[in-house]
Amino acid sequence: MIVFNVIAFVLGVAALGYLVYALVRPERF
């Protein structure tokens, strides 16, 4: 299912971006 792969890819990128943001700005957590 291409749609499922796209959704999984978007969620993965969002999770990585959130993790990087948390590491760059630790004072907000």
C-alpha atoms as a PDB file:
ATOM      1  CA  MET A   1       0.000   0.000   0.000  1.00  0.00           C
ATOM      2  CA  ILE A   2       1.653   3.197  -1.182  1.00  0.00           C
ATOM      3  CA  VAL A   3      -0.614   5.349   0.988  1.00  0.00           C
ATOM      4  CA  PHE A   4       0.469   3.485   4.133  1.00  0.00           C
ATOM      5  CA  ASN A   5       4.125   3.891   3.166  1.00  0.00           C
ATOM      6  CA  VAL A   6       3.661   7.639   2.663  1.00  0.00           C
ATOM      7  CA  ILE A   7       1.922   7.994   6.035  1.00  0.00           C
ATOM      8  CA  ALA A   8       4.652   5.978   7.769  1.00  0.00           C
ATOM      9  CA  PHE A   9       7.330   8.101   6.077  1.00  0.00           C
ATOM     10  CA  VAL A  10       5.669  11.357   7.148  1.00  0.00           C
ATOM     11  CA  LEU A  11       5.304  10.120  10.736  1.00  0.00           C
ATOM     12  CA  GLY A  12       8.945   9.026  10.768  1.00  0.00           C
ATOM     13  CA  VAL A  13      10.171  12.404   9.504  1.00  0.00           C
ATOM     14  CA  ALA A  14       7.946  14.209  12.028  1.00  0.00           C
ATOM     15  CA  ALA A  15       9.281  12.029  14.858  1.00  0.00           C
ATOM     16  CA  LEU A  16      12.895  12.690  13.833  1.00  0.00           C
ATOM     17  CA  GLY A  17      12.230  16.423  13.542  1.00  0.00           C
ATOM     18  CA  TYR A  18      10.593  16.475  16.983  1.00  0.00           C
ATOM     19  CA  LEU A  19      13.531  14.554  18.475  1.00  0.00           C
ATOM     20  CA  VAL A  20      16.069  16.949  16.942  1.00  0.00           C
ATOM     21  CA  TYR A  21      14.028  19.936  18.170  1.00  0.00           C
ATOM     22  CA  ALA A  22      13.929  18.433  21.682  1.00  0.00           C
ATOM     23  CA  LEU A  23      17.719  17.983  21.621  1.00  0.00           C
ATOM     24  CA  VAL A  24      18.340  21.517  20.324  1.00  0.00           C
ATOM     25  CA  ARG A  25      15.915  23.182  22.759  1.00  0.00           C
ATOM     26  CA  PRO A  26      16.057  21.136  25.993  1.00  0.00           C
ATOM     27  CA  GLU A  27      14.868  24.056  28.147  1.00  0.00           C
ATOM     28  CA  ARG A  28      11.311  23.531  26.881  1.00  0.00           C
ATOM     29  CA  PHE A  29      11.156  19.965  28.210  1.00  0.00           C
END
